[in-house]
N, C-alpha and C. Protein backbone atom coordinates (compact mmCIF):
# COMPACT_ATOMS: atom_id res chain seq x y z
N MET A 1 23.00 18.17 11.89
CA MET A 1 22.54 17.63 10.70
C MET A 1 23.41 17.26 9.27
N THR A 2 23.11 16.38 9.32
CA THR A 2 23.85 15.59 7.60
C THR A 2 23.17 15.47 6.22
N THR A 3 23.51 15.84 5.32
CA THR A 3 22.72 15.68 4.07
C THR A 3 23.61 15.02 3.10
N GLN A 4 23.16 13.92 2.88
CA GLN A 4 23.82 13.28 1.78
C GLN A 4 22.95 12.79 0.10
N PRO A 5 23.72 13.69 -0.56
CA PRO A 5 23.21 13.41 -1.75
C PRO A 5 23.11 12.35 -2.73
N ASN A 6 21.88 11.75 -3.17
CA ASN A 6 21.63 10.78 -4.39
C ASN A 6 21.71 11.16 -5.48
N ALA A 7 22.32 10.06 -6.25
CA ALA A 7 22.10 10.15 -7.75
C ALA A 7 20.75 9.73 -8.29
N THR A 8 20.16 10.85 -9.71
CA THR A 8 18.84 10.79 -9.76
C THR A 8 18.51 10.71 -11.25
N THR A 9 17.86 10.38 -11.74
CA THR A 9 17.57 10.34 -13.34
C THR A 9 17.14 11.44 -14.04
N GLN A 10 16.78 12.01 -13.50
CA GLN A 10 16.64 13.66 -14.08
C GLN A 10 17.18 14.64 -13.58
N SER A 11 17.26 15.58 -14.26
CA SER A 11 18.06 17.09 -13.73
C SER A 11 17.52 17.62 -13.14
N ASP A 12 16.17 17.95 -12.84
CA ASP A 12 15.80 18.69 -11.58
C ASP A 12 14.79 17.94 -10.83
N VAL A 13 15.31 16.55 -10.51
CA VAL A 13 15.01 15.69 -9.39
C VAL A 13 16.59 15.36 -9.05
N THR A 14 16.22 15.76 -7.06
CA THR A 14 17.40 15.37 -6.49
C THR A 14 16.78 14.42 -5.14
N THR A 15 17.28 13.61 -4.86
CA THR A 15 17.22 13.02 -3.22
C THR A 15 18.40 13.37 -2.52
N GLU A 16 17.93 13.63 -1.06
CA GLU A 16 19.21 13.90 0.19
C GLU A 16 18.64 13.43 1.22
N ILE A 17 19.23 12.43 2.02
CA ILE A 17 19.34 11.99 3.16
C ILE A 17 19.20 13.16 4.49
N ILE A 18 18.52 13.61 4.94
CA ILE A 18 18.36 14.43 6.42
C ILE A 18 18.68 13.61 7.77
N GLY A 19 19.84 13.97 8.51
CA GLY A 19 19.82 13.28 9.67
C GLY A 19 19.08 14.00 10.78
N THR A 20 18.40 13.73 10.90
CA THR A 20 17.58 14.13 12.24
C THR A 20 17.45 13.47 14.13
N ASP A 21 16.99 14.09 14.74
CA ASP A 21 16.52 13.47 15.94
C ASP A 21 15.69 12.04 15.94
N ALA A 22 14.68 12.14 15.38
CA ALA A 22 14.33 11.08 14.85
C ALA A 22 14.78 9.90 14.05
N GLY A 23 15.99 10.36 13.76
CA GLY A 23 16.60 9.17 12.88
C GLY A 23 16.38 9.60 11.23
N ASP A 24 17.20 9.21 10.27
CA ASP A 24 17.13 9.70 9.07
C ASP A 24 16.09 9.79 8.35
N ALA A 25 15.94 11.21 7.17
CA ALA A 25 15.07 11.65 6.65
C ALA A 25 15.16 11.54 5.51
N ARG A 26 14.24 11.51 4.27
CA ARG A 26 14.52 11.63 2.92
C ARG A 26 13.73 12.27 2.32
N VAL A 27 14.35 13.31 1.50
CA VAL A 27 13.89 14.27 1.14
C VAL A 27 13.93 13.95 -0.53
N THR A 28 13.41 14.76 -1.44
CA THR A 28 13.08 14.22 -3.13
C THR A 28 12.44 15.62 -3.44
N TRP A 29 13.56 16.48 -4.31
CA TRP A 29 13.21 18.14 -4.85
C TRP A 29 12.53 17.58 -6.17
N HIS A 30 11.48 18.47 -6.23
CA HIS A 30 10.85 18.43 -7.68
C HIS A 30 11.05 20.59 -7.94
N ARG A 31 12.32 20.60 -8.69
CA ARG A 31 12.62 21.85 -8.46
C ARG A 31 11.85 22.72 -9.72
N ALA A 32 11.47 23.89 -9.72
CA ALA A 32 10.90 24.62 -10.22
C ALA A 32 12.12 25.54 -10.93
N LYS A 33 11.99 26.22 -12.56
CA LYS A 33 13.11 26.47 -13.11
C LYS A 33 13.17 27.69 -12.51
N ARG A 34 12.27 28.76 -12.62
CA ARG A 34 12.43 30.02 -11.82
C ARG A 34 11.62 30.36 -10.46
N PRO A 35 11.46 29.30 -9.33
CA PRO A 35 10.82 29.19 -8.12
C PRO A 35 10.75 30.36 -7.50
N ARG A 36 9.53 30.28 -6.73
CA ARG A 36 9.37 31.82 -6.04
C ARG A 36 8.87 31.16 -4.17
N LEU A 37 8.46 29.71 -4.48
CA LEU A 37 8.06 29.36 -3.24
C LEU A 37 8.56 27.86 -3.19
N VAL A 38 8.62 27.06 -1.99
CA VAL A 38 8.84 25.94 -1.35
C VAL A 38 7.90 25.10 -0.87
N LEU A 39 7.27 23.87 -1.53
CA LEU A 39 5.63 23.33 -0.88
C LEU A 39 7.06 22.18 -0.25
N ALA A 40 6.47 21.73 1.01
CA ALA A 40 7.56 21.01 1.69
C ALA A 40 6.46 20.11 2.18
N VAL A 41 6.42 18.84 2.03
CA VAL A 41 4.63 18.17 2.18
C VAL A 41 4.93 16.29 2.24
N SER A 42 5.08 16.57 3.46
CA SER A 42 5.08 15.06 3.87
C SER A 42 4.09 13.72 3.61
N HIS A 43 4.04 12.77 4.08
CA HIS A 43 2.88 11.38 4.04
C HIS A 43 1.92 11.06 5.22
N GLY A 44 0.61 10.37 5.28
CA GLY A 44 0.45 10.23 6.63
C GLY A 44 0.92 8.72 7.02
N ALA A 45 -0.13 8.55 7.83
CA ALA A 45 0.28 7.17 8.65
C ALA A 45 0.55 5.75 7.67
N GLY A 46 -0.45 6.07 6.75
CA GLY A 46 -0.90 4.81 6.23
C GLY A 46 0.12 4.49 5.02
N GLY A 47 1.18 5.43 4.16
CA GLY A 47 1.71 4.91 3.10
C GLY A 47 2.61 6.43 3.13
N GLY A 48 3.35 6.47 2.07
CA GLY A 48 4.53 6.93 2.20
C GLY A 48 4.06 8.31 0.57
N VAL A 49 5.70 8.79 0.07
CA VAL A 49 5.36 9.72 -1.30
C VAL A 49 5.04 9.70 -2.12
N GLU A 50 4.67 8.00 -2.21
CA GLU A 50 4.31 7.98 -3.49
C GLU A 50 2.77 8.03 -3.86
N VAL A 51 2.01 8.14 -2.95
CA VAL A 51 0.41 8.13 -3.07
C VAL A 51 0.20 9.35 -4.17
N ARG A 52 -1.09 9.16 -4.67
CA ARG A 52 -1.19 9.69 -5.59
C ARG A 52 -1.28 11.54 -5.64
N ASP A 53 -1.95 11.97 -4.35
CA ASP A 53 -2.32 13.20 -4.46
C ASP A 53 -1.02 14.22 -4.41
N LEU A 54 0.24 13.02 -3.91
CA LEU A 54 1.80 14.10 -3.29
C LEU A 54 2.87 13.93 -4.60
N GLN A 55 2.38 13.12 -5.24
CA GLN A 55 2.92 12.60 -6.86
C GLN A 55 2.24 13.56 -7.73
N ALA A 56 1.18 13.85 -7.85
CA ALA A 56 0.32 14.98 -8.49
C ALA A 56 0.86 16.35 -8.45
N LEU A 57 0.96 16.66 -6.91
CA LEU A 57 1.46 17.84 -7.00
C LEU A 57 3.05 17.95 -7.16
N ALA A 58 3.83 17.02 -6.77
CA ALA A 58 5.20 17.23 -7.39
C ALA A 58 5.31 17.75 -8.74
N HIS A 59 4.43 16.60 -9.74
CA HIS A 59 4.73 16.45 -10.94
C HIS A 59 4.00 18.33 -11.91
N THR A 60 3.00 18.93 -10.63
CA THR A 60 2.29 19.66 -11.71
C THR A 60 2.80 21.31 -10.88
N LEU A 61 2.93 21.30 -9.90
CA LEU A 61 3.41 22.34 -9.05
C LEU A 61 5.02 23.54 -9.65
N PRO A 62 5.68 22.62 -10.38
CA PRO A 62 7.22 23.31 -10.58
C PRO A 62 6.40 24.34 -11.42
N ALA A 63 5.72 23.99 -12.58
CA ALA A 63 5.51 24.69 -13.98
C ALA A 63 4.88 26.00 -13.15
N HIS A 64 4.51 25.95 -11.83
CA HIS A 64 3.81 27.35 -11.77
C HIS A 64 4.59 27.98 -10.48
N GLY A 65 5.95 27.78 -10.87
CA GLY A 65 7.13 28.44 -10.18
C GLY A 65 7.00 27.95 -8.35
N VAL A 66 6.40 26.65 -8.23
CA VAL A 66 6.65 25.64 -6.68
C VAL A 66 7.56 24.81 -6.68
N THR A 67 8.86 24.40 -6.12
CA THR A 67 10.16 23.91 -5.75
C THR A 67 8.75 22.85 -5.04
N VAL A 68 8.57 21.37 -5.17
CA VAL A 68 8.41 20.57 -4.21
C VAL A 68 9.18 19.93 -3.77
N ALA A 69 9.25 19.48 -2.42
CA ALA A 69 9.94 18.79 -1.23
C ALA A 69 8.92 17.68 -0.40
N LEU A 70 9.17 16.72 -1.33
CA LEU A 70 8.57 15.46 -0.66
C LEU A 70 9.39 14.70 0.39
N VAL A 71 8.53 14.57 1.53
CA VAL A 71 9.76 14.85 2.58
C VAL A 71 8.91 13.42 3.22
N GLU A 72 9.81 11.91 3.31
CA GLU A 72 9.85 11.07 3.56
C GLU A 72 10.88 11.11 5.65
N GLN A 73 9.42 10.57 6.19
CA GLN A 73 9.79 10.68 7.96
C GLN A 73 10.70 9.26 7.95
N PRO A 74 10.99 10.01 8.91
CA PRO A 74 12.29 8.70 9.17
C PRO A 74 11.67 7.37 9.58
N TRP A 75 10.39 7.28 10.31
CA TRP A 75 10.01 5.95 10.42
C TRP A 75 10.00 5.40 9.24
N ARG A 76 9.55 5.42 8.43
CA ARG A 76 9.36 4.86 6.52
C ARG A 76 10.90 4.88 6.10
N VAL A 77 11.35 5.38 6.26
CA VAL A 77 12.87 5.76 5.73
C VAL A 77 13.42 4.44 6.41
N ALA A 78 13.32 4.23 7.61
CA ALA A 78 13.85 2.79 8.53
C ALA A 78 13.20 1.48 7.95
N GLY A 79 12.12 1.71 7.17
CA GLY A 79 11.23 0.38 7.06
C GLY A 79 10.58 0.09 8.17
N LYS A 80 10.18 1.11 8.97
CA LYS A 80 9.23 0.45 10.19
C LYS A 80 7.37 0.64 9.43
N LYS A 81 6.31 -0.19 9.90
CA LYS A 81 5.33 0.06 9.42
C LYS A 81 4.19 0.46 10.38
N VAL A 82 4.46 1.07 11.46
CA VAL A 82 3.53 1.52 12.21
C VAL A 82 4.63 3.21 12.36
N ALA A 83 3.46 4.41 12.51
CA ALA A 83 3.83 5.59 12.77
C ALA A 83 3.92 5.51 14.17
N PRO A 84 5.29 6.35 14.59
CA PRO A 84 5.32 6.89 15.88
C PRO A 84 4.62 7.84 16.61
N ALA A 85 4.64 7.98 17.76
CA ALA A 85 3.68 9.40 18.31
C ALA A 85 4.13 10.20 17.79
N PRO A 86 2.84 11.89 17.69
CA PRO A 86 2.92 12.18 17.31
C PRO A 86 4.69 13.31 17.98
N LYS A 87 4.79 13.17 18.77
CA LYS A 87 5.57 13.97 19.26
C LYS A 87 7.02 13.72 18.33
N THR A 88 7.29 12.61 17.95
CA THR A 88 8.37 12.22 17.46
C THR A 88 8.25 12.34 15.80
N LEU A 89 6.78 12.46 15.68
CA LEU A 89 6.70 13.22 13.94
C LEU A 89 7.21 13.98 14.00
N ASP A 90 6.47 15.16 15.11
CA ASP A 90 7.38 16.57 14.66
C ASP A 90 8.66 16.66 14.94
N THR A 91 9.36 15.90 16.03
CA THR A 91 11.04 15.93 15.84
C THR A 91 11.34 15.84 14.34
N GLY A 92 10.87 14.83 13.70
CA GLY A 92 11.48 14.21 12.54
C GLY A 92 11.11 15.59 12.00
N TRP A 93 10.27 16.41 11.70
CA TRP A 93 9.80 17.64 10.56
C TRP A 93 10.96 18.88 11.23
N ARG A 94 10.60 18.60 12.43
CA ARG A 94 11.96 19.96 12.86
C ARG A 94 13.26 20.24 12.25
N GLY A 95 13.93 18.53 12.45
CA GLY A 95 15.03 18.48 12.16
C GLY A 95 15.23 18.42 10.92
N VAL A 96 14.29 18.53 10.01
CA VAL A 96 14.12 18.37 8.27
C VAL A 96 14.47 19.80 7.55
N TRP A 97 13.36 20.72 8.85
CA TRP A 97 13.23 22.29 8.29
C TRP A 97 14.52 22.67 7.80
N PRO A 98 16.04 22.70 8.35
CA PRO A 98 16.56 23.46 7.92
C PRO A 98 17.05 23.49 6.80
N ALA A 99 17.29 21.99 6.16
CA ALA A 99 17.09 21.66 4.98
C ALA A 99 16.49 22.16 3.75
N LEU A 100 15.09 22.57 4.02
CA LEU A 100 13.84 22.85 3.30
C LEU A 100 13.92 24.44 2.88
N THR A 101 14.53 24.81 4.13
CA THR A 101 14.64 27.08 3.78
C THR A 101 16.36 26.93 3.38
N LYS A 102 16.96 26.08 3.16
CA LYS A 102 17.98 26.07 2.62
C LYS A 102 17.93 26.95 1.26
N PRO A 103 17.09 26.87 0.37
CA PRO A 103 17.02 27.60 -1.12
C PRO A 103 16.66 29.15 -0.67
N GLY A 104 16.55 29.40 0.34
CA GLY A 104 16.51 31.12 0.80
C GLY A 104 14.94 31.35 -0.04
N LEU A 105 14.04 30.62 -0.01
CA LEU A 105 12.54 30.57 -0.01
C LEU A 105 11.03 30.64 0.87
N PRO A 106 10.83 31.26 0.79
CA PRO A 106 9.39 31.22 1.61
C PRO A 106 8.95 29.32 1.65
N VAL A 107 8.68 28.84 2.59
CA VAL A 107 8.40 27.54 2.62
C VAL A 107 7.04 27.67 3.18
N ILE A 108 6.30 26.81 2.02
CA ILE A 108 5.00 25.78 2.57
C ILE A 108 5.17 25.01 3.28
N SER A 109 4.95 24.81 4.70
CA SER A 109 4.12 23.53 5.71
C SER A 109 3.21 22.74 5.17
N GLY A 110 3.92 21.68 4.58
CA GLY A 110 2.36 20.47 4.01
C GLY A 110 2.62 19.08 4.52
N GLY A 111 1.38 18.69 4.52
CA GLY A 111 1.40 17.02 4.83
C GLY A 111 -0.65 16.53 4.30
N ARG A 112 -0.24 15.14 4.63
CA ARG A 112 -1.39 14.64 4.10
C ARG A 112 -1.90 13.64 5.46
N SER A 113 -3.03 13.53 6.13
CA SER A 113 -3.39 12.80 6.79
C SER A 113 -2.37 13.49 8.06
N ALA A 114 -2.00 12.46 8.85
CA ALA A 114 -0.93 12.71 9.96
C ALA A 114 -0.15 13.99 9.74
N GLY A 115 0.53 14.07 8.30
CA GLY A 115 1.40 14.88 8.34
C GLY A 115 0.81 15.98 7.90
N ALA A 116 -0.10 16.35 7.90
CA ALA A 116 -1.18 17.36 7.74
C ALA A 116 -1.23 18.40 9.35
N ARG A 117 -1.24 17.58 10.53
CA ARG A 117 -1.65 17.55 11.87
C ARG A 117 0.01 17.38 12.25
N VAL A 118 0.76 17.56 11.64
CA VAL A 118 2.37 18.02 12.12
C VAL A 118 2.28 19.18 11.34
N ALA A 119 2.02 19.04 9.96
CA ALA A 119 2.64 20.75 9.61
C ALA A 119 1.84 21.86 10.36
N CYS A 120 0.60 21.46 11.36
CA CYS A 120 -0.23 22.82 11.90
C CYS A 120 0.53 22.90 13.19
N ARG A 121 0.57 21.64 13.69
CA ARG A 121 0.85 21.90 14.89
C ARG A 121 2.74 23.00 15.24
N THR A 122 3.28 22.67 13.88
CA THR A 122 4.62 23.20 14.20
C THR A 122 4.84 24.44 13.04
N ALA A 123 3.84 25.04 12.38
CA ALA A 123 3.69 25.90 11.36
C ALA A 123 4.92 27.34 12.35
N ALA A 124 3.80 27.67 13.31
CA ALA A 124 4.02 28.77 13.93
C ALA A 124 5.77 28.85 14.57
N GLU A 125 5.75 27.89 15.18
CA GLU A 125 7.43 27.74 15.70
C GLU A 125 8.37 27.68 14.67
N LEU A 126 7.90 26.88 13.49
CA LEU A 126 9.05 26.86 12.40
C LEU A 126 9.02 28.19 11.53
N GLY A 127 7.95 28.72 11.52
CA GLY A 127 8.39 30.17 10.62
C GLY A 127 7.90 29.97 9.54
N ALA A 128 6.62 28.86 8.98
CA ALA A 128 6.50 28.28 8.04
C ALA A 128 5.19 29.61 6.87
N HIS A 129 5.74 29.77 6.01
CA HIS A 129 4.80 30.90 5.35
C HIS A 129 3.35 30.69 5.30
N ALA A 130 2.81 29.28 5.22
CA ALA A 130 1.43 29.07 5.24
C ALA A 130 1.61 26.99 5.27
N VAL A 131 0.22 26.66 5.12
CA VAL A 131 0.11 25.23 5.37
C VAL A 131 -0.86 24.93 4.87
N LEU A 132 -0.05 23.64 3.83
CA LEU A 132 -1.28 22.92 3.04
C LEU A 132 -1.76 21.47 3.97
N ALA A 133 -2.58 21.75 4.12
CA ALA A 133 -3.14 20.02 4.77
C ALA A 133 -4.32 19.35 4.11
N LEU A 134 -3.75 18.29 3.54
CA LEU A 134 -4.24 17.34 2.90
C LEU A 134 -5.18 16.25 3.54
N SER A 135 -6.18 15.83 3.19
CA SER A 135 -7.05 15.24 3.66
C SER A 135 -6.57 15.32 5.41
N PHE A 136 -7.11 16.10 5.75
CA PHE A 136 -6.79 16.51 7.17
C PHE A 136 -7.75 15.51 8.46
N PRO A 137 -7.04 14.91 9.25
CA PRO A 137 -8.10 13.78 10.14
C PRO A 137 -8.56 14.44 10.59
N LEU A 138 -9.26 15.75 10.86
CA LEU A 138 -10.21 16.36 11.52
C LEU A 138 -10.99 15.38 12.68
N HIS A 139 -11.18 14.08 12.95
CA HIS A 139 -11.53 13.00 13.94
C HIS A 139 -11.31 11.73 13.46
N PRO A 140 -11.03 10.41 14.69
CA PRO A 140 -10.79 9.25 13.96
C PRO A 140 -12.46 8.95 13.44
N PRO A 141 -12.24 8.13 12.36
CA PRO A 141 -13.52 7.41 11.67
C PRO A 141 -14.78 7.40 12.95
N GLY A 142 -15.95 7.76 12.50
CA GLY A 142 -17.00 7.28 13.60
C GLY A 142 -17.36 8.19 14.96
N ARG A 143 -15.57 9.05 15.18
CA ARG A 143 -15.74 9.46 16.44
C ARG A 143 -15.34 11.41 16.62
N PRO A 144 -16.81 11.69 16.11
CA PRO A 144 -16.31 13.12 15.54
C PRO A 144 -16.24 14.33 16.76
N GLU A 145 -16.38 13.31 18.02
CA GLU A 145 -16.61 13.89 19.33
C GLU A 145 -14.95 14.54 19.75
N LYS A 146 -14.18 13.28 19.26
CA LYS A 146 -12.92 13.38 18.98
C LYS A 146 -12.15 14.28 18.31
N SER A 147 -12.50 15.75 18.29
CA SER A 147 -11.75 16.48 17.14
C SER A 147 -10.66 16.96 17.24
N ARG A 148 -10.11 17.16 16.23
CA ARG A 148 -8.51 17.81 16.11
C ARG A 148 -8.97 19.17 15.87
N ALA A 149 -9.92 19.68 15.51
CA ALA A 149 -9.85 21.23 15.01
C ALA A 149 -8.75 22.10 15.63
N ASP A 150 -8.99 22.18 16.95
CA ASP A 150 -8.00 23.05 17.34
C ASP A 150 -6.48 23.08 16.85
N GLU A 151 -5.56 21.93 16.18
CA GLU A 151 -4.46 21.80 15.86
C GLU A 151 -4.88 22.88 14.39
N LEU A 152 -5.81 22.31 13.87
CA LEU A 152 -5.68 23.05 12.36
C LEU A 152 -6.31 24.71 12.96
N LEU A 153 -7.01 25.16 13.56
CA LEU A 153 -7.01 26.27 13.94
C LEU A 153 -6.18 26.92 14.37
N ALA A 154 -5.01 26.45 15.09
CA ALA A 154 -3.81 26.77 15.56
C ALA A 154 -2.66 27.34 14.75
N ALA A 155 -2.73 27.06 13.72
CA ALA A 155 -1.23 26.94 12.61
C ALA A 155 -1.23 28.16 12.63
N GLY A 156 -1.67 29.41 12.48
CA GLY A 156 -1.23 30.82 12.35
C GLY A 156 -0.99 31.41 11.26
N VAL A 157 -1.26 30.46 10.27
CA VAL A 157 -0.62 31.41 8.86
C VAL A 157 -1.72 30.30 7.92
N PRO A 158 -1.54 31.70 6.61
CA PRO A 158 -2.75 30.84 5.79
C PRO A 158 -2.38 29.48 5.64
N THR A 159 -3.71 28.93 5.60
CA THR A 159 -3.90 27.64 5.36
C THR A 159 -4.93 27.46 4.31
N LEU A 160 -4.68 26.32 3.84
CA LEU A 160 -5.74 25.44 2.76
C LEU A 160 -5.25 24.51 3.05
N VAL A 161 -6.76 23.72 3.37
CA VAL A 161 -7.35 22.46 3.43
C VAL A 161 -7.64 21.95 2.23
N VAL A 162 -7.34 20.66 1.59
CA VAL A 162 -8.12 19.74 0.73
C VAL A 162 -8.42 18.80 1.06
N GLN A 163 -10.08 18.45 1.03
CA GLN A 163 -10.53 17.17 1.83
C GLN A 163 -11.40 16.38 0.75
N GLY A 164 -11.62 15.12 1.08
CA GLY A 164 -12.61 14.82 0.58
C GLY A 164 -13.91 15.07 0.84
N GLY A 165 -14.88 14.44 -0.44
CA GLY A 165 -16.45 14.40 -0.15
C GLY A 165 -16.77 13.43 0.80
N ASN A 166 -16.28 12.22 0.64
CA ASN A 166 -16.59 11.32 1.66
C ASN A 166 -15.67 10.86 2.45
N ASP A 167 -14.89 11.67 2.80
CA ASP A 167 -13.73 11.17 3.94
C ASP A 167 -14.38 10.72 5.46
N PRO A 168 -13.60 9.96 5.69
CA PRO A 168 -14.51 9.40 6.89
C PRO A 168 -14.05 9.90 8.19
N PHE A 169 -12.92 10.23 8.23
CA PHE A 169 -12.14 11.16 8.95
C PHE A 169 -12.37 13.07 9.27
N GLY A 170 -13.06 13.17 8.04
CA GLY A 170 -13.93 14.32 8.61
C GLY A 170 -14.32 14.79 7.14
N ARG A 171 -15.56 14.82 6.71
CA ARG A 171 -16.32 15.62 5.41
C ARG A 171 -16.13 17.35 5.81
N PRO A 172 -16.09 18.05 4.37
CA PRO A 172 -15.73 19.26 4.44
C PRO A 172 -17.11 19.53 4.83
N ASP A 173 -17.92 19.44 5.62
CA ASP A 173 -19.51 19.89 6.16
C ASP A 173 -18.98 19.77 7.68
N GLU A 174 -18.13 19.03 8.09
CA GLU A 174 -18.22 18.88 9.43
C GLU A 174 -16.69 19.83 10.26
N PHE A 175 -16.37 20.39 9.13
CA PHE A 175 -15.50 21.39 9.79
C PHE A 175 -15.55 22.41 10.10
N PRO A 176 -15.08 23.23 11.25
CA PRO A 176 -15.48 24.58 11.80
C PRO A 176 -15.03 25.72 11.14
N GLU A 177 -16.16 26.94 11.27
CA GLU A 177 -15.65 28.25 10.60
C GLU A 177 -14.00 28.18 11.00
N GLY A 178 -13.43 28.95 10.29
CA GLY A 178 -12.11 29.37 10.65
C GLY A 178 -11.62 30.31 9.53
N ALA A 179 -9.94 30.66 10.07
CA ALA A 179 -9.02 31.51 8.86
C ALA A 179 -8.59 30.52 7.93
N TYR A 180 -9.08 29.70 7.14
CA TYR A 180 -8.69 28.67 6.08
C TYR A 180 -9.44 28.93 5.10
N ASP A 181 -8.98 28.26 3.96
CA ASP A 181 -9.82 28.03 2.90
C ASP A 181 -10.04 26.66 2.34
N LEU A 182 -10.73 26.29 1.64
CA LEU A 182 -10.83 24.56 1.59
C LEU A 182 -11.56 24.31 0.26
N VAL A 183 -10.87 23.26 -0.28
CA VAL A 183 -11.08 22.76 -1.28
C VAL A 183 -11.59 21.40 -1.75
N GLU A 184 -12.87 21.26 -1.78
CA GLU A 184 -13.53 20.09 -1.99
C GLU A 184 -13.44 18.85 -2.94
N VAL A 185 -12.82 17.89 -2.80
CA VAL A 185 -12.72 16.92 -3.80
C VAL A 185 -14.02 16.06 -3.70
N ALA A 186 -14.82 16.09 -4.42
CA ALA A 186 -16.59 15.67 -4.34
C ALA A 186 -16.20 14.25 -4.19
N TYR A 187 -16.60 13.13 -3.60
CA TYR A 187 -17.12 11.81 -3.84
C TYR A 187 -15.40 11.00 -3.31
N GLY A 188 -14.25 12.01 -3.12
CA GLY A 188 -13.19 11.39 -2.51
C GLY A 188 -12.90 11.03 -1.14
N ASP A 189 -12.20 10.11 -1.08
CA ASP A 189 -12.14 9.28 0.12
C ASP A 189 -11.16 10.01 1.16
N HIS A 190 -10.55 9.32 2.18
CA HIS A 190 -9.84 10.02 2.59
C HIS A 190 -8.05 9.65 2.21
N GLY A 191 -8.01 8.89 1.00
CA GLY A 191 -6.72 8.94 -0.61
C GLY A 191 -7.32 9.75 -1.35
N PHE A 192 -8.58 9.99 -1.54
CA PHE A 192 -8.80 10.87 -2.21
C PHE A 192 -8.90 9.72 -3.94
N ALA A 193 -9.86 8.79 -3.38
CA ALA A 193 -9.76 8.08 -4.43
C ALA A 193 -11.23 8.21 -4.32
N VAL A 194 -12.11 7.71 -5.84
CA VAL A 194 -13.76 7.80 -5.88
C VAL A 194 -14.06 7.14 -7.30
N PRO A 195 -14.85 6.48 -6.44
CA PRO A 195 -16.03 5.54 -6.98
C PRO A 195 -16.01 5.76 -8.61
N LYS A 196 -15.99 4.24 -9.01
CA LYS A 196 -16.20 4.15 -10.73
C LYS A 196 -17.12 5.02 -10.92
N ARG A 197 -18.14 4.76 -10.66
CA ARG A 197 -19.43 5.15 -10.93
C ARG A 197 -19.56 6.33 -10.27
N ALA A 198 -18.81 7.12 -10.14
CA ALA A 198 -19.34 8.86 -9.78
C ALA A 198 -19.29 9.53 -10.63
N GLU A 199 -19.57 10.70 -10.80
CA GLU A 199 -19.58 11.93 -11.52
C GLU A 199 -18.62 12.45 -11.99
N THR A 200 -17.69 12.50 -10.70
CA THR A 200 -16.33 13.13 -10.64
C THR A 200 -15.31 11.50 -11.27
N THR A 201 -14.20 11.78 -11.87
CA THR A 201 -13.56 10.90 -12.32
C THR A 201 -12.18 11.03 -11.53
N GLN A 202 -11.61 9.84 -11.78
CA GLN A 202 -10.21 9.97 -10.62
C GLN A 202 -9.26 10.55 -11.35
N GLU A 203 -9.21 11.04 -12.30
CA GLU A 203 -7.74 12.10 -13.28
C GLU A 203 -8.77 13.58 -12.94
N ARG A 204 -10.01 13.39 -13.12
CA ARG A 204 -10.57 15.22 -12.34
C ARG A 204 -10.66 14.99 -11.01
N ALA A 205 -10.65 14.40 -10.36
CA ALA A 205 -10.09 14.52 -8.71
C ALA A 205 -8.71 15.17 -8.40
N LEU A 206 -7.97 14.43 -9.22
CA LEU A 206 -6.13 14.94 -9.48
C LEU A 206 -6.18 16.32 -9.73
N GLU A 207 -6.93 16.31 -10.90
CA GLU A 207 -7.00 18.38 -11.40
C GLU A 207 -7.43 18.82 -10.23
N ILE A 208 -8.34 18.30 -9.54
CA ILE A 208 -9.39 19.69 -8.71
C ILE A 208 -8.03 19.87 -7.74
N ILE A 209 -7.31 18.97 -7.15
CA ILE A 209 -6.46 18.84 -6.10
C ILE A 209 -5.01 19.97 -6.59
N THR A 210 -4.53 19.46 -7.83
CA THR A 210 -3.62 20.10 -8.17
C THR A 210 -3.70 21.79 -8.57
N ASP A 211 -5.23 21.86 -9.30
CA ASP A 211 -5.51 23.02 -9.89
C ASP A 211 -5.82 24.17 -8.48
N GLY A 212 -6.55 23.50 -7.51
CA GLY A 212 -6.43 24.46 -6.42
C GLY A 212 -5.37 24.99 -5.44
N VAL A 213 -4.35 23.94 -5.20
CA VAL A 213 -3.38 24.26 -4.84
C VAL A 213 -2.62 25.47 -5.86
N ALA A 214 -2.60 25.34 -6.94
CA ALA A 214 -2.06 26.47 -7.56
C ALA A 214 -2.71 27.22 -7.40
N ARG A 215 -3.57 27.58 -7.67
CA ARG A 215 -4.37 29.18 -7.52
C ARG A 215 -4.01 29.22 -6.04
N TRP A 216 -4.21 28.66 -5.22
CA TRP A 216 -3.98 29.08 -3.81
C TRP A 216 -2.29 29.70 -3.40
N THR A 217 -1.92 28.61 -4.09
CA THR A 217 0.04 29.22 -4.01
C THR A 217 0.16 30.63 -4.73
N ALA A 218 -0.24 30.61 -5.81
CA ALA A 218 -0.58 32.05 -6.41
C ALA A 218 -0.65 33.32 -5.71
N SER A 219 -1.62 33.00 -4.99
CA SER A 219 -2.14 34.25 -4.31
C SER A 219 -1.36 34.60 -2.87
N LEU A 220 -0.79 33.80 -2.71
CA LEU A 220 0.25 33.69 -1.46
C LEU A 220 1.03 35.15 -1.79
N ARG A 221 0.98 35.70 -0.67
CA ARG A 221 2.29 36.86 -0.59
C ARG A 221 2.97 36.74 0.35
């Protein structure tokens, strides 16, 4: 594993390149002043770490004692537009993990969409303290029979699912019973976007996400 620090514009935000067997990944650290946990969270197959929910968490959680590490998978760093097979995504995540544990704090393994699946699949073997699954893709749109619930239920650690009420990849009421918590973002789609005429504003939707995650991390022991 190789680490290459990069210049940043804020004293509490740093970026590094991590070499993995799937290629170079990029980690952007948003550090808490008095951290007690690290939330390492990656993106999905349709976007990077610039998406609204990941950015909201990165800017909110450090004030709650949680250092946030936004992880860009190697395929995104390489400029590719199509995500590789799940096995390759898992390889990239495993390669980044030693850098995520370097602060010596418990690490929450997190991700949105495909990244949430990666976090669930690898949590037990990597020794994750907990799992945060944002917009977990329970099934392909319109194909509820193609359930991926087994990945979620097999995480083996405390797990929080944050799901949009209108997510075509799985609405909250479609999720099976299991040992996990679930926060619903009313009217939200797979990217947590809400219609302009919805009772929930976009700003409030992000507050539901950040407040829910902050409360959940505070409950972890």
